[in-house]
N, C-alpha and C. Protein backbone atom coordinates (compact mmCIF):
# COMPACT_ATOMS: atom_id res chain seq x y z
N MET A 1 6.25 54.72 6.67
CA MET A 1 5.59 53.58 7.59
C MET A 1 4.59 53.13 6.52
N GLN A 2 4.29 51.83 6.42
CA GLN A 2 3.27 51.09 5.52
C GLN A 2 2.17 51.09 6.01
N GLN A 3 1.11 51.28 5.18
CA GLN A 3 -0.42 51.24 5.60
C GLN A 3 -0.87 49.99 4.98
N PHE A 4 -1.63 49.35 5.50
CA PHE A 4 -2.56 48.08 4.95
C PHE A 4 -3.75 48.68 4.93
N HIS A 5 -4.46 48.18 3.86
CA HIS A 5 -5.73 48.53 3.59
C HIS A 5 -6.65 46.99 3.52
N PHE A 6 -7.41 47.04 4.12
CA PHE A 6 -8.28 45.60 4.22
C PHE A 6 -9.74 46.03 3.61
N ARG A 7 -10.08 45.13 2.55
CA ARG A 7 -11.43 45.41 2.18
C ARG A 7 -12.46 44.06 3.14
N VAL A 8 -13.30 44.63 3.57
CA VAL A 8 -14.17 43.88 4.26
C VAL A 8 -15.52 43.51 3.49
N PHE A 9 -15.63 42.45 3.08
CA PHE A 9 -17.14 42.20 2.41
C PHE A 9 -17.90 41.11 3.13
N ARG A 10 -19.12 40.98 3.11
CA ARG A 10 -20.03 40.15 3.78
C ARG A 10 -20.58 39.16 2.55
N ILE A 11 -20.66 38.00 2.90
CA ILE A 11 -21.18 36.86 2.07
C ILE A 11 -22.85 36.85 2.65
N PRO A 12 -23.69 36.96 1.61
CA PRO A 12 -25.12 36.76 2.18
C PRO A 12 -25.36 35.31 2.81
N ARG A 13 -26.30 35.34 3.74
CA ARG A 13 -26.50 34.16 4.38
C ARG A 13 -27.00 32.79 3.31
N TRP A 14 -27.87 33.53 2.23
CA TRP A 14 -28.46 32.22 1.33
C TRP A 14 -27.15 31.74 0.65
N GLN A 15 -26.12 32.61 0.28
CA GLN A 15 -24.77 32.00 -0.42
C GLN A 15 -24.23 31.12 0.72
N MET A 16 -23.81 31.47 1.82
CA MET A 16 -23.36 30.61 2.61
C MET A 16 -23.99 29.15 2.92
N ALA A 17 -25.18 29.29 3.04
CA ALA A 17 -26.18 28.11 3.00
C ALA A 17 -25.88 27.11 1.99
N LEU A 18 -25.85 28.06 0.73
CA LEU A 18 -25.65 27.06 -0.57
C LEU A 18 -24.36 26.41 -0.68
N GLY A 19 -23.31 27.09 -0.28
CA GLY A 19 -22.08 26.68 -0.20
C GLY A 19 -21.90 25.50 0.79
N VAL A 20 -22.46 25.42 2.01
CA VAL A 20 -22.36 24.52 2.94
C VAL A 20 -23.17 23.27 2.41
N GLY A 21 -24.08 23.50 1.92
CA GLY A 21 -25.17 22.45 1.24
C GLY A 21 -24.38 21.82 0.05
N LEU A 22 -23.79 22.53 -0.69
CA LEU A 22 -22.96 21.76 -1.78
C LEU A 22 -21.76 20.91 -1.30
N PHE A 23 -21.17 21.64 -0.14
CA PHE A 23 -19.93 20.89 0.33
C PHE A 23 -20.50 19.47 1.16
N LEU A 24 -21.72 19.46 1.74
CA LEU A 24 -22.26 18.52 2.44
C LEU A 24 -22.66 17.44 1.17
N ALA A 25 -23.20 17.96 0.22
CA ALA A 25 -23.54 16.94 -1.00
C ALA A 25 -22.47 16.21 -1.38
N LEU A 26 -21.44 17.14 -1.60
CA LEU A 26 -20.10 16.31 -2.37
C LEU A 26 -19.60 15.39 -1.41
N LEU A 27 -19.56 15.68 -0.10
CA LEU A 27 -19.00 14.79 0.87
C LEU A 27 -19.73 13.44 0.91
N LEU A 28 -21.22 13.48 1.11
CA LEU A 28 -22.04 12.55 0.90
C LEU A 28 -21.99 11.74 -0.40
N ALA A 29 -21.72 12.29 -1.64
CA ALA A 29 -21.33 11.50 -2.67
C ALA A 29 -20.09 10.84 -2.64
N LEU A 30 -19.00 11.22 -2.00
CA LEU A 30 -17.89 10.73 -1.82
C LEU A 30 -18.08 9.40 -1.06
N ILE A 31 -18.85 9.74 0.30
CA ILE A 31 -18.84 8.58 1.09
C ILE A 31 -19.59 7.63 0.41
N VAL A 32 -20.74 7.75 -0.29
CA VAL A 32 -21.16 6.79 -0.93
C VAL A 32 -20.64 6.09 -2.14
N LEU A 33 -19.62 6.57 -2.92
CA LEU A 33 -18.84 6.10 -3.76
C LEU A 33 -17.83 5.23 -3.19
N ALA A 34 -17.24 5.61 -1.87
CA ALA A 34 -16.11 4.77 -1.20
C ALA A 34 -16.79 3.63 -0.61
N LEU A 35 -18.18 3.69 -0.17
CA LEU A 35 -18.72 2.69 0.41
C LEU A 35 -19.06 1.49 -0.72
N GLY A 36 -19.57 2.18 -1.97
CA GLY A 36 -19.70 1.19 -3.01
C GLY A 36 -18.62 0.54 -3.54
N ILE A 37 -17.31 1.25 -3.65
CA ILE A 37 -16.19 0.40 -3.97
C ILE A 37 -15.74 -0.51 -3.00
N PHE A 38 -15.91 -0.19 -1.91
CA PHE A 38 -15.53 -1.14 -0.65
C PHE A 38 -16.38 -2.44 -0.82
N LEU A 39 -17.80 -2.42 -0.85
CA LEU A 39 -18.68 -3.26 -1.01
C LEU A 39 -18.61 -4.22 -2.40
N LEU A 40 -17.71 -3.56 -3.31
CA LEU A 40 -17.47 -4.54 -4.52
C LEU A 40 -16.23 -5.19 -4.16
N VAL A 41 -15.28 -4.56 -3.67
CA VAL A 41 -13.62 -5.26 -3.48
C VAL A 41 -13.90 -6.33 -2.32
N LEU A 42 -14.98 -5.97 -1.30
CA LEU A 42 -14.74 -6.82 0.00
C LEU A 42 -15.10 -8.30 -0.37
N PRO A 43 -16.16 -8.62 -1.22
CA PRO A 43 -16.22 -10.10 -1.56
C PRO A 43 -15.10 -10.82 -2.19
N VAL A 44 -14.45 -10.03 -3.28
CA VAL A 44 -13.16 -10.45 -3.76
C VAL A 44 -12.10 -10.90 -2.86
N LEU A 45 -11.90 -9.86 -1.95
CA LEU A 45 -10.96 -10.35 -0.89
C LEU A 45 -11.25 -11.31 -0.08
N VAL A 46 -12.39 -11.42 0.28
CA VAL A 46 -12.94 -12.73 1.13
C VAL A 46 -12.57 -14.05 0.31
N VAL A 47 -12.97 -14.11 -0.78
CA VAL A 47 -12.77 -15.31 -1.73
C VAL A 47 -11.21 -15.30 -1.93
N MET A 48 -10.55 -14.53 -2.11
CA MET A 48 -9.03 -14.72 -2.35
C MET A 48 -8.36 -15.14 -1.13
N GLY A 49 -8.96 -14.45 -0.10
CA GLY A 49 -8.40 -14.86 1.34
C GLY A 49 -8.54 -16.40 1.66
N ALA A 50 -9.88 -16.59 1.36
CA ALA A 50 -10.20 -18.01 1.76
C ALA A 50 -9.42 -19.25 0.89
N LEU A 51 -9.24 -18.71 -0.45
CA LEU A 51 -8.47 -19.73 -1.42
C LEU A 51 -6.95 -19.58 -0.86
N ALA A 52 -6.33 -18.72 -0.50
CA ALA A 52 -5.02 -18.44 -0.08
C ALA A 52 -4.97 -19.32 1.41
N TYR A 53 -5.97 -19.56 2.04
CA TYR A 53 -5.81 -20.15 3.47
C TYR A 53 -6.05 -21.59 3.29
N PHE A 54 -6.92 -22.08 2.29
CA PHE A 54 -7.19 -23.38 2.17
C PHE A 54 -6.07 -23.87 1.24
N PHE A 55 -5.60 -23.37 0.24
CA PHE A 55 -4.86 -23.95 -0.97
C PHE A 55 -3.31 -23.45 -1.00
N GLY A 56 -3.17 -22.39 -0.10
CA GLY A 56 -1.80 -21.88 -0.46
C GLY A 56 -0.81 -21.78 0.78
N GLY A 57 0.37 -21.88 0.31
CA GLY A 57 1.41 -21.66 1.42
C GLY A 57 1.74 -22.74 2.56
N ARG A 58 1.13 -23.80 2.75
CA ARG A 58 1.21 -25.05 3.37
C ARG A 58 1.74 -26.10 2.70
N SER A 59 2.65 -26.82 3.36
CA SER A 59 3.19 -28.15 2.90
C SER A 59 2.52 -29.00 3.37
N LEU A 60 2.57 -30.21 3.01
CA LEU A 60 2.06 -31.59 3.43
C LEU A 60 3.03 -32.42 4.05
N LYS A 61 4.22 -31.83 4.15
CA LYS A 61 5.40 -32.57 4.89
C LYS A 61 5.20 -32.89 6.32
N SER A 62 5.49 -34.08 6.71
CA SER A 62 5.36 -34.19 8.28
C SER A 62 6.53 -33.38 9.01
N ASP A 63 7.71 -33.44 8.51
CA ASP A 63 8.84 -32.76 9.25
C ASP A 63 9.02 -31.49 8.79
N PRO A 64 8.71 -30.28 9.69
CA PRO A 64 8.95 -29.02 9.31
C PRO A 64 10.38 -28.40 8.88
N ASN A 65 11.12 -29.31 9.26
CA ASN A 65 12.77 -28.91 8.86
C ASN A 65 13.25 -29.45 7.66
N GLU A 66 12.41 -30.32 7.12
CA GLU A 66 12.79 -31.22 5.92
C GLU A 66 13.15 -30.20 4.94
N ASP A 67 12.23 -29.30 4.86
CA ASP A 67 12.19 -28.26 3.53
C ASP A 67 12.44 -27.01 4.15
N ASP A 68 13.69 -26.73 4.50
CA ASP A 68 14.15 -25.38 5.08
C ASP A 68 14.89 -24.67 4.08
N ARG A 69 15.03 -25.11 2.81
CA ARG A 69 15.58 -24.20 1.72
C ARG A 69 17.03 -23.87 1.98
N THR A 70 17.86 -24.71 2.79
CA THR A 70 19.38 -24.14 2.95
C THR A 70 20.00 -24.85 1.98
N ILE A 71 21.06 -24.08 1.25
CA ILE A 71 21.83 -24.64 0.36
C ILE A 71 23.20 -24.70 0.94
N GLU A 72 23.96 -25.78 1.40
CA GLU A 72 25.20 -25.92 1.87
C GLU A 72 26.16 -25.96 0.75
N ALA A 73 27.37 -25.37 1.01
CA ALA A 73 28.44 -25.42 -0.02
C ALA A 73 29.71 -25.05 0.58
N ASP A 74 30.91 -25.67 -0.06
CA ASP A 74 32.19 -25.24 0.38
C ASP A 74 32.64 -23.89 -0.50
N TYR A 75 33.10 -22.97 0.07
CA TYR A 75 33.61 -21.79 -0.62
C TYR A 75 35.09 -21.36 -0.20
N ARG A 76 35.54 -20.51 -1.01
CA ARG A 76 36.85 -19.80 -0.52
C ARG A 76 36.96 -18.48 -0.86
N VAL A 77 37.66 -17.79 -0.14
CA VAL A 77 37.96 -16.25 -0.51
C VAL A 77 38.95 -16.12 -1.32
N ILE A 78 38.76 -15.32 -2.47
CA ILE A 78 39.84 -15.02 -3.44
C ILE A 78 40.12 -13.54 -3.34
N GLU A 79 41.33 -13.24 -3.17
CA GLU A 79 41.94 -11.81 -3.05
C GLU A 79 42.25 -11.38 -4.45
N GLN A 80 42.11 -9.96 -4.55
CA GLN A 80 42.25 -9.58 -5.76
C GLN A 80 43.79 -9.72 -6.33
N LYS A 81 44.58 -9.95 -5.46
CA LYS A 81 45.95 -9.99 -5.79
C LYS A 81 46.37 -11.33 -6.43
N GLN A 82 45.37 -12.43 -6.02
CA GLN A 82 45.59 -13.69 -6.44
C GLN A 82 44.91 -13.68 -7.70
N LEU A 83 43.66 -13.09 -7.92
CA LEU A 83 43.27 -12.99 -9.25
C LEU A 83 44.25 -12.13 -10.47
N ASP A 84 44.96 -11.13 -9.93
CA ASP A 84 45.76 -10.39 -10.76
C ASP A 84 47.25 -11.37 -11.14
N ARG A 85 47.44 -12.21 -10.03
CA ARG A 85 48.60 -13.14 -10.26
C ARG A 85 48.20 -14.33 -11.24
N ASN A 86 47.36 -14.86 -11.10
CA ASN A 86 46.98 -16.13 -11.84
C ASN A 86 46.16 -15.92 -13.05
N GLY A 87 45.43 -14.89 -12.98
CA GLY A 87 44.46 -14.65 -14.25
C GLY A 87 43.24 -15.46 -14.30
N ASP A 88 43.45 -16.78 -13.96
CA ASP A 88 42.21 -17.66 -13.62
C ASP A 88 42.11 -18.37 -12.41
N VAL A 89 41.00 -18.90 -11.92
CA VAL A 89 40.98 -19.37 -10.58
C VAL A 89 40.60 -20.95 -10.74
């Protein structure tokens, strides 16, 4: 039968407080960094959004169906047998 031995150790209170303090300081630094990046990017996004809203994507044509970008064509289906038989279509 196997026996397991566990070694129990205690962390002093001051070391635990120091670890929690370091963790909170790093967390606060990351929050401040993320907020700073957000505040730098937000005005750029607002200006780009306003430019896209005012100048992009909308046409000045009166009929919305006029520019539906549909290409009409006549086509025929060519079977592989026909290609083998004729050589060119």
